[in-house]
Amino acid sequence: GDSDIISIAGIESYLSQCTTLGDA
């Protein structure tokens, strides 16, 4: 839980949970 390094993979993991955005 204490690993919080900014990364595209990390951002994607949360963006994928956003209901307003589609995969594209």
mmCIF file of all heavy atoms, coordinates in Angstrom:
data_MODEL
# 
_entry.id   MODEL 
# 
loop_
_atom_site.group_PDB 
_atom_site.id 
_atom_site.type_symbol 
_atom_site.label_atom_id 
_atom_site.label_alt_id 
_atom_site.label_comp_id 
_atom_site.label_asym_id 
_atom_site.label_entity_id 
_atom_site.label_seq_id 
_atom_site.pdbx_PDB_ins_code 
_atom_site.Cartn_x 
_atom_site.Cartn_y 
_atom_site.Cartn_z 
_atom_site.occupancy 
_atom_site.B_iso_or_equiv 
_atom_site.pdbx_formal_charge 
_atom_site.auth_seq_id 
_atom_site.auth_comp_id 
_atom_site.auth_asym_id 
_atom_site.auth_atom_id 
_atom_site.pdbx_PDB_model_num 
ATOM 1   N N   . GLY A 1 1  ? 0.780   -1.228 0.000   1.00 0.00 ? 1  GLY A N   1 
ATOM 2   C CA  . GLY A 1 1  ? 0.000   0.000  0.000   1.00 0.00 ? 1  GLY A CA  1 
ATOM 3   C C   . GLY A 1 1  ? 0.807   1.271  0.000   1.00 0.00 ? 1  GLY A C   1 
ATOM 4   O O   . GLY A 1 1  ? 0.334   2.320  -0.444  1.00 0.00 ? 1  GLY A O   1 
ATOM 5   N N   . ASP A 1 2  ? 2.051   1.222  0.500   1.00 0.00 ? 2  ASP A N   1 
ATOM 6   C CA  . ASP A 1 2  ? 2.855   2.442  0.568   1.00 0.00 ? 2  ASP A CA  1 
ATOM 7   C C   . ASP A 1 2  ? 3.613   2.716  -0.731  1.00 0.00 ? 2  ASP A C   1 
ATOM 8   O O   . ASP A 1 2  ? 4.358   3.683  -0.818  1.00 0.00 ? 2  ASP A O   1 
ATOM 9   C CB  . ASP A 1 2  ? 3.835   2.382  1.740   1.00 0.00 ? 2  ASP A CB  1 
ATOM 10  C CG  . ASP A 1 2  ? 4.818   1.214  1.644   1.00 0.00 ? 2  ASP A CG  1 
ATOM 11  O OD1 . ASP A 1 2  ? 4.641   0.369  0.728   1.00 0.00 ? 2  ASP A OD1 1 
ATOM 12  O OD2 . ASP A 1 2  ? 5.740   1.148  2.465   1.00 0.00 ? 2  ASP A OD2 1 
ATOM 13  N N   . SER A 1 3  ? 3.434   1.874  -1.744  1.00 0.00 ? 3  SER A N   1 
ATOM 14  C CA  . SER A 1 3  ? 4.054   2.118  -3.048  1.00 0.00 ? 3  SER A CA  1 
ATOM 15  C C   . SER A 1 3  ? 3.133   3.023  -3.855  1.00 0.00 ? 3  SER A C   1 
ATOM 16  O O   . SER A 1 3  ? 2.039   2.620  -4.237  1.00 0.00 ? 3  SER A O   1 
ATOM 17  C CB  . SER A 1 3  ? 4.278   0.802  -3.804  1.00 0.00 ? 3  SER A CB  1 
ATOM 18  O OG  . SER A 1 3  ? 5.358   0.090  -3.259  1.00 0.00 ? 3  SER A OG  1 
ATOM 19  N N   . ASP A 1 4  ? 3.572   4.246  -4.087  1.00 0.00 ? 4  ASP A N   1 
ATOM 20  C CA  . ASP A 1 4  ? 2.727   5.206  -4.801  1.00 0.00 ? 4  ASP A CA  1 
ATOM 21  C C   . ASP A 1 4  ? 3.602   6.069  -5.703  1.00 0.00 ? 4  ASP A C   1 
ATOM 22  O O   . ASP A 1 4  ? 3.694   7.274  -5.533  1.00 0.00 ? 4  ASP A O   1 
ATOM 23  C CB  . ASP A 1 4  ? 1.953   6.069  -3.809  1.00 0.00 ? 4  ASP A CB  1 
ATOM 24  C CG  . ASP A 1 4  ? 0.896   6.928  -4.498  1.00 0.00 ? 4  ASP A CG  1 
ATOM 25  O OD1 . ASP A 1 4  ? 0.398   6.517  -5.562  1.00 0.00 ? 4  ASP A OD1 1 
ATOM 26  O OD2 . ASP A 1 4  ? 0.595   8.012  -3.980  1.00 0.00 ? 4  ASP A OD2 1 
ATOM 27  N N   . ILE A 1 5  ? 4.255   5.427  -6.643  1.00 0.00 ? 5  ILE A N   1 
ATOM 28  C CA  . ILE A 1 5  ? 5.109   6.117  -7.599  1.00 0.00 ? 5  ILE A CA  1 
ATOM 29  C C   . ILE A 1 5  ? 4.285   6.434  -8.831  1.00 0.00 ? 5  ILE A C   1 
ATOM 30  O O   . ILE A 1 5  ? 3.592   5.559  -9.369  1.00 0.00 ? 5  ILE A O   1 
ATOM 31  C CB  . ILE A 1 5  ? 6.325   5.249  -7.974  1.00 0.00 ? 5  ILE A CB  1 
ATOM 32  C CG1 . ILE A 1 5  ? 7.154   4.948  -6.710  1.00 0.00 ? 5  ILE A CG1 1 
ATOM 33  C CG2 . ILE A 1 5  ? 7.188   5.944  -9.025  1.00 0.00 ? 5  ILE A CG2 1 
ATOM 34  C CD1 . ILE A 1 5  ? 8.265   3.938  -6.944  1.00 0.00 ? 5  ILE A CD1 1 
ATOM 35  N N   . ILE A 1 6  ? 4.327   7.669  -9.284  1.00 0.00 ? 6  ILE A N   1 
ATOM 36  C CA  . ILE A 1 6  ? 3.544   8.068  -10.450 1.00 0.00 ? 6  ILE A CA  1 
ATOM 37  C C   . ILE A 1 6  ? 3.984   7.261  -11.666 1.00 0.00 ? 6  ILE A C   1 
ATOM 38  O O   . ILE A 1 6  ? 5.162   7.205  -11.998 1.00 0.00 ? 6  ILE A O   1 
ATOM 39  C CB  . ILE A 1 6  ? 3.699   9.572  -10.732 1.00 0.00 ? 6  ILE A CB  1 
ATOM 40  C CG1 . ILE A 1 6  ? 3.142   10.394 -9.567  1.00 0.00 ? 6  ILE A CG1 1 
ATOM 41  C CG2 . ILE A 1 6  ? 2.971   9.946  -12.025 1.00 0.00 ? 6  ILE A CG2 1 
ATOM 42  C CD1 . ILE A 1 6  ? 3.426   11.888 -9.683  1.00 0.00 ? 6  ILE A CD1 1 
ATOM 43  N N   . SER A 1 7  ? 3.018   6.632  -12.324 1.00 0.00 ? 7  SER A N   1 
ATOM 44  C CA  . SER A 1 7  ? 3.315   5.836  -13.514 1.00 0.00 ? 7  SER A CA  1 
ATOM 45  C C   . SER A 1 7  ? 2.077   5.780  -14.391 1.00 0.00 ? 7  SER A C   1 
ATOM 46  O O   . SER A 1 7  ? 0.946   5.951  -13.907 1.00 0.00 ? 7  SER A O   1 
ATOM 47  C CB  . SER A 1 7  ? 3.725   4.406  -13.129 1.00 0.00 ? 7  SER A CB  1 
ATOM 48  O OG  . SER A 1 7  ? 2.620   3.705  -12.569 1.00 0.00 ? 7  SER A OG  1 
ATOM 49  N N   . ILE A 1 8  ? 2.271   5.536  -15.682 1.00 0.00 ? 8  ILE A N   1 
ATOM 50  C CA  . ILE A 1 8  ? 1.138   5.409  -16.593 1.00 0.00 ? 8  ILE A CA  1 
ATOM 51  C C   . ILE A 1 8  ? 0.279   4.208  -16.190 1.00 0.00 ? 8  ILE A C   1 
ATOM 52  O O   . ILE A 1 8  ? -0.956  4.265  -16.225 1.00 0.00 ? 8  ILE A O   1 
ATOM 53  C CB  . ILE A 1 8  ? 1.623   5.293  -18.044 1.00 0.00 ? 8  ILE A CB  1 
ATOM 54  C CG1 . ILE A 1 8  ? 2.230   6.638  -18.482 1.00 0.00 ? 8  ILE A CG1 1 
ATOM 55  C CG2 . ILE A 1 8  ? 0.482   4.902  -18.981 1.00 0.00 ? 8  ILE A CG2 1 
ATOM 56  C CD1 . ILE A 1 8  ? 2.797   6.641  -19.875 1.00 0.00 ? 8  ILE A CD1 1 
ATOM 57  N N   . ALA A 1 9  ? 0.933   3.105  -15.790 1.00 0.00 ? 9  ALA A N   1 
ATOM 58  C CA  . ALA A 1 9  ? 0.184   1.922  -15.372 1.00 0.00 ? 9  ALA A CA  1 
ATOM 59  C C   . ALA A 1 9  ? -0.666  2.221  -14.137 1.00 0.00 ? 9  ALA A C   1 
ATOM 60  O O   . ALA A 1 9  ? -1.812  1.773  -14.029 1.00 0.00 ? 9  ALA A O   1 
ATOM 61  C CB  . ALA A 1 9  ? 1.139   0.775  -15.090 1.00 0.00 ? 9  ALA A CB  1 
ATOM 62  N N   . GLY A 1 10 ? -0.106  2.964  -13.198 1.00 0.00 ? 10 GLY A N   1 
ATOM 63  C CA  . GLY A 1 10 ? -0.853  3.328  -11.999 1.00 0.00 ? 10 GLY A CA  1 
ATOM 64  C C   . GLY A 1 10 ? -2.029  4.225  -12.309 1.00 0.00 ? 10 GLY A C   1 
ATOM 65  O O   . GLY A 1 10 ? -3.134  4.053  -11.770 1.00 0.00 ? 10 GLY A O   1 
ATOM 66  N N   . ILE A 1 11 ? -1.812  5.211  -13.185 1.00 0.00 ? 11 ILE A N   1 
ATOM 67  C CA  . ILE A 1 11 ? -2.898  6.106  -13.589 1.00 0.00 ? 11 ILE A CA  1 
ATOM 68  C C   . ILE A 1 11 ? -3.991  5.318  -14.297 1.00 0.00 ? 11 ILE A C   1 
ATOM 69  O O   . ILE A 1 11 ? -5.177  5.505  -14.050 1.00 0.00 ? 11 ILE A O   1 
ATOM 70  C CB  . ILE A 1 11 ? -2.349  7.228  -14.496 1.00 0.00 ? 11 ILE A CB  1 
ATOM 71  C CG1 . ILE A 1 11 ? -1.382  8.123  -13.707 1.00 0.00 ? 11 ILE A CG1 1 
ATOM 72  C CG2 . ILE A 1 11 ? -3.499  8.060  -15.068 1.00 0.00 ? 11 ILE A CG2 1 
ATOM 73  C CD1 . ILE A 1 11 ? -0.576  9.074  -14.568 1.00 0.00 ? 11 ILE A CD1 1 
ATOM 74  N N   . GLU A 1 12 ? -3.583  4.398  -15.184 1.00 0.00 ? 12 GLU A N   1 
ATOM 75  C CA  . GLU A 1 12 ? -4.561  3.604  -15.929 1.00 0.00 ? 12 GLU A CA  1 
ATOM 76  C C   . GLU A 1 12 ? -5.423  2.760  -14.997 1.00 0.00 ? 12 GLU A C   1 
ATOM 77  O O   . GLU A 1 12 ? -6.623  2.593  -15.224 1.00 0.00 ? 12 GLU A O   1 
ATOM 78  C CB  . GLU A 1 12 ? -3.865  2.701  -16.936 1.00 0.00 ? 12 GLU A CB  1 
ATOM 79  C CG  . GLU A 1 12 ? -4.840  1.859  -17.749 1.00 0.00 ? 12 GLU A CG  1 
ATOM 80  C CD  . GLU A 1 12 ? -4.167  0.956  -18.757 1.00 0.00 ? 12 GLU A CD  1 
ATOM 81  O OE1 . GLU A 1 12 ? -2.929  0.848  -18.732 1.00 0.00 ? 12 GLU A OE1 1 
ATOM 82  O OE2 . GLU A 1 12 ? -4.890  0.357  -19.570 1.00 0.00 ? 12 GLU A OE2 1 
ATOM 83  N N   . SER A 1 13 ? -4.814  2.217  -13.951 1.00 0.00 ? 13 SER A N   1 
ATOM 84  C CA  . SER A 1 13 ? -5.574  1.341  -13.056 1.00 0.00 ? 13 SER A CA  1 
ATOM 85  C C   . SER A 1 13 ? -6.738  2.081  -12.412 1.00 0.00 ? 13 SER A C   1 
ATOM 86  O O   . SER A 1 13 ? -7.787  1.489  -12.139 1.00 0.00 ? 13 SER A O   1 
ATOM 87  C CB  . SER A 1 13 ? -4.652  0.760  -11.969 1.00 0.00 ? 13 SER A CB  1 
ATOM 88  O OG  . SER A 1 13 ? -4.241  1.760  -11.058 1.00 0.00 ? 13 SER A OG  1 
ATOM 89  N N   . TYR A 1 14 ? -6.589  3.379  -12.178 1.00 0.00 ? 14 TYR A N   1 
ATOM 90  C CA  . TYR A 1 14 ? -7.683  4.164  -11.608 1.00 0.00 ? 14 TYR A CA  1 
ATOM 91  C C   . TYR A 1 14 ? -8.597  4.741  -12.682 1.00 0.00 ? 14 TYR A C   1 
ATOM 92  O O   . TYR A 1 14 ? -9.814  4.830  -12.484 1.00 0.00 ? 14 TYR A O   1 
ATOM 93  C CB  . TYR A 1 14 ? -7.121  5.283  -10.726 1.00 0.00 ? 14 TYR A CB  1 
ATOM 94  C CG  . TYR A 1 14 ? -6.533  4.775  -9.436  1.00 0.00 ? 14 TYR A CG  1 
ATOM 95  C CD1 . TYR A 1 14 ? -5.160  4.666  -9.266  1.00 0.00 ? 14 TYR A CD1 1 
ATOM 96  C CD2 . TYR A 1 14 ? -7.352  4.367  -8.379  1.00 0.00 ? 14 TYR A CD2 1 
ATOM 97  C CE1 . TYR A 1 14 ? -4.609  4.164  -8.090  1.00 0.00 ? 14 TYR A CE1 1 
ATOM 98  C CE2 . TYR A 1 14 ? -6.820  3.877  -7.201  1.00 0.00 ? 14 TYR A CE2 1 
ATOM 99  C CZ  . TYR A 1 14 ? -5.446  3.782  -7.061  1.00 0.00 ? 14 TYR A CZ  1 
ATOM 100 O OH  . TYR A 1 14 ? -4.914  3.289  -5.899  1.00 0.00 ? 14 TYR A OH  1 
ATOM 101 N N   . LEU A 1 15 ? -8.027  5.120  -13.837 1.00 0.00 ? 15 LEU A N   1 
ATOM 102 C CA  . LEU A 1 15 ? -8.867  5.616  -14.922 1.00 0.00 ? 15 LEU A CA  1 
ATOM 103 C C   . LEU A 1 15 ? -9.858  4.548  -15.370 1.00 0.00 ? 15 LEU A C   1 
ATOM 104 O O   . LEU A 1 15 ? -10.994 4.851  -15.745 1.00 0.00 ? 15 LEU A O   1 
ATOM 105 C CB  . LEU A 1 15 ? -8.002  6.032  -16.119 1.00 0.00 ? 15 LEU A CB  1 
ATOM 106 C CG  . LEU A 1 15 ? -7.502  7.474  -16.169 1.00 0.00 ? 15 LEU A CG  1 
ATOM 107 C CD1 . LEU A 1 15 ? -6.633  7.686  -17.398 1.00 0.00 ? 15 LEU A CD1 1 
ATOM 108 C CD2 . LEU A 1 15 ? -8.659  8.468  -16.162 1.00 0.00 ? 15 LEU A CD2 1 
ATOM 109 N N   . SER A 1 16 ? -9.414  3.287  -15.331 1.00 0.00 ? 16 SER A N   1 
ATOM 110 C CA  . SER A 1 16 ? -10.284 2.198  -15.777 1.00 0.00 ? 16 SER A CA  1 
ATOM 111 C C   . SER A 1 16 ? -11.486 2.011  -14.860 1.00 0.00 ? 16 SER A C   1 
ATOM 112 O O   . SER A 1 16 ? -12.466 1.360  -15.229 1.00 0.00 ? 16 SER A O   1 
ATOM 113 C CB  . SER A 1 16 ? -9.498  0.882  -15.856 1.00 0.00 ? 16 SER A CB  1 
ATOM 114 O OG  . SER A 1 16 ? -9.040  0.486  -14.569 1.00 0.00 ? 16 SER A OG  1 
ATOM 115 N N   . GLN A 1 17 ? -11.419 2.603  -13.661 1.00 0.00 ? 17 GLN A N   1 
ATOM 116 C CA  . GLN A 1 17 ? -12.541 2.517  -12.730 1.00 0.00 ? 17 GLN A CA  1 
ATOM 117 C C   . GLN A 1 17 ? -13.498 3.699  -12.865 1.00 0.00 ? 17 GLN A C   1 
ATOM 118 O O   . GLN A 1 17 ? -14.536 3.738  -12.201 1.00 0.00 ? 17 GLN A O   1 
ATOM 119 C CB  . GLN A 1 17 ? -12.011 2.448  -11.295 1.00 0.00 ? 17 GLN A CB  1 
ATOM 120 C CG  . GLN A 1 17 ? -11.118 1.245  -11.031 1.00 0.00 ? 17 GLN A CG  1 
ATOM 121 C CD  . GLN A 1 17 ? -10.434 1.313  -9.676  1.00 0.00 ? 17 GLN A CD  1 
ATOM 122 O OE1 . GLN A 1 17 ? -10.940 1.904  -8.738  1.00 0.00 ? 17 GLN A OE1 1 
ATOM 123 N NE2 . GLN A 1 17 ? -9.271  0.697  -9.573  1.00 0.00 ? 17 GLN A NE2 1 
ATOM 124 N N   . CYS A 1 18 ? -13.137 4.672  -13.705 1.00 0.00 ? 18 CYS A N   1 
ATOM 125 C CA  . CYS A 1 18 ? -13.982 5.855  -13.900 1.00 0.00 ? 18 CYS A CA  1 
ATOM 126 C C   . CYS A 1 18 ? -15.129 5.514  -14.854 1.00 0.00 ? 18 CYS A C   1 
ATOM 127 O O   . CYS A 1 18 ? -14.902 5.026  -15.955 1.00 0.00 ? 18 CYS A O   1 
ATOM 128 C CB  . CYS A 1 18 ? -13.164 7.008  -14.471 1.00 0.00 ? 18 CYS A CB  1 
ATOM 129 S SG  . CYS A 1 18 ? -11.873 7.613  -13.353 1.00 0.00 ? 18 CYS A SG  1 
ATOM 130 N N   . THR A 1 19 ? -16.337 5.796  -14.434 1.00 0.00 ? 19 THR A N   1 
ATOM 131 C CA  . THR A 1 19 ? -17.500 5.397  -15.231 1.00 0.00 ? 19 THR A CA  1 
ATOM 132 C C   . THR A 1 19 ? -17.745 6.333  -16.409 1.00 0.00 ? 19 THR A C   1 
ATOM 133 O O   . THR A 1 19 ? -18.470 5.966  -17.335 1.00 0.00 ? 19 THR A O   1 
ATOM 134 C CB  . THR A 1 19 ? -18.759 5.373  -14.345 1.00 0.00 ? 19 THR A CB  1 
ATOM 135 O OG1 . THR A 1 19 ? -18.947 6.670  -13.752 1.00 0.00 ? 19 THR A OG1 1 
ATOM 136 C CG2 . THR A 1 19 ? -18.636 4.339  -13.259 1.00 0.00 ? 19 THR A CG2 1 
ATOM 137 N N   . THR A 1 20 ? -17.165 7.529  -16.422 1.00 0.00 ? 20 THR A N   1 
ATOM 138 C CA  . THR A 1 20 ? -17.476 8.493  -17.485 1.00 0.00 ? 20 THR A CA  1 
ATOM 139 C C   . THR A 1 20 ? -16.606 8.305  -18.720 1.00 0.00 ? 20 THR A C   1 
ATOM 140 O O   . THR A 1 20 ? -16.837 8.934  -19.742 1.00 0.00 ? 20 THR A O   1 
ATOM 141 C CB  . THR A 1 20 ? -17.289 9.936  -16.965 1.00 0.00 ? 20 THR A CB  1 
ATOM 142 O OG1 . THR A 1 20 ? -15.942 10.121 -16.517 1.00 0.00 ? 20 THR A OG1 1 
ATOM 143 C CG2 . THR A 1 20 ? -18.241 10.224 -15.820 1.00 0.00 ? 20 THR A CG2 1 
ATOM 144 N N   . LEU A 1 21 ? -15.582 7.447  -18.633 1.00 0.00 ? 21 LEU A N   1 
ATOM 145 C CA  . LEU A 1 21 ? -14.665 7.272  -19.751 1.00 0.00 ? 21 LEU A CA  1 
ATOM 146 C C   . LEU A 1 21 ? -14.741 5.847  -20.294 1.00 0.00 ? 21 LEU A C   1 
ATOM 147 O O   . LEU A 1 21 ? -14.737 4.882  -19.540 1.00 0.00 ? 21 LEU A O   1 
ATOM 148 C CB  . LEU A 1 21 ? -13.229 7.575  -19.328 1.00 0.00 ? 21 LEU A CB  1 
ATOM 149 C CG  . LEU A 1 21 ? -12.937 9.001  -18.877 1.00 0.00 ? 21 LEU A CG  1 
ATOM 150 C CD1 . LEU A 1 21 ? -11.508 9.107  -18.367 1.00 0.00 ? 21 LEU A CD1 1 
ATOM 151 C CD2 . LEU A 1 21 ? -13.163 9.990  -20.005 1.00 0.00 ? 21 LEU A CD2 1 
ATOM 152 N N   . GLY A 1 22 ? -14.759 5.727  -21.618 1.00 0.00 ? 22 GLY A N   1 
ATOM 153 C CA  . GLY A 1 22 ? -14.705 4.419  -22.253 1.00 0.00 ? 22 GLY A CA  1 
ATOM 154 C C   . GLY A 1 22 ? -13.272 3.998  -22.507 1.00 0.00 ? 22 GLY A C   1 
ATOM 155 O O   . GLY A 1 22 ? -12.331 4.766  -22.293 1.00 0.00 ? 22 GLY A O   1 
ATOM 156 N N   . ASP A 1 23 ? -13.087 2.768  -22.962 1.00 0.00 ? 23 ASP A N   1 
ATOM 157 C CA  . ASP A 1 23 ? -11.743 2.238  -23.212 1.00 0.00 ? 23 ASP A CA  1 
ATOM 158 C C   . ASP A 1 23 ? -10.982 3.091  -24.224 1.00 0.00 ? 23 ASP A C   1 
ATOM 159 O O   . ASP A 1 23 ? -9.783  3.337  -24.060 1.00 0.00 ? 23 ASP A O   1 
ATOM 160 C CB  . ASP A 1 23 ? -11.826 0.795  -23.717 1.00 0.00 ? 23 ASP A CB  1 
ATOM 161 C CG  . ASP A 1 23 ? -12.283 -0.171 -22.629 1.00 0.00 ? 23 ASP A CG  1 
ATOM 162 O OD1 . ASP A 1 23 ? -12.223 0.207  -21.443 1.00 0.00 ? 23 ASP A OD1 1 
ATOM 163 O OD2 . ASP A 1 23 ? -12.696 -1.295 -22.977 1.00 0.00 ? 23 ASP A OD2 1 
ATOM 164 N N   . ALA A 1 24 ? -11.672 3.527  -25.288 1.00 0.00 ? 24 ALA A N   1 
ATOM 165 C CA  . ALA A 1 24 ? -11.004 4.344  -26.317 1.00 0.00 ? 24 ALA A CA  1 
ATOM 166 C C   . ALA A 1 24 ? -10.553 5.680  -25.738 1.00 0.00 ? 24 ALA A C   1 
ATOM 167 O O   . ALA A 1 24 ? -9.456  6.163  -26.057 1.00 0.00 ? 24 ALA A O   1 
ATOM 168 C CB  . ALA A 1 24 ? -11.943 4.564  -27.506 1.00 0.00 ? 24 ALA A CB  1 
# 
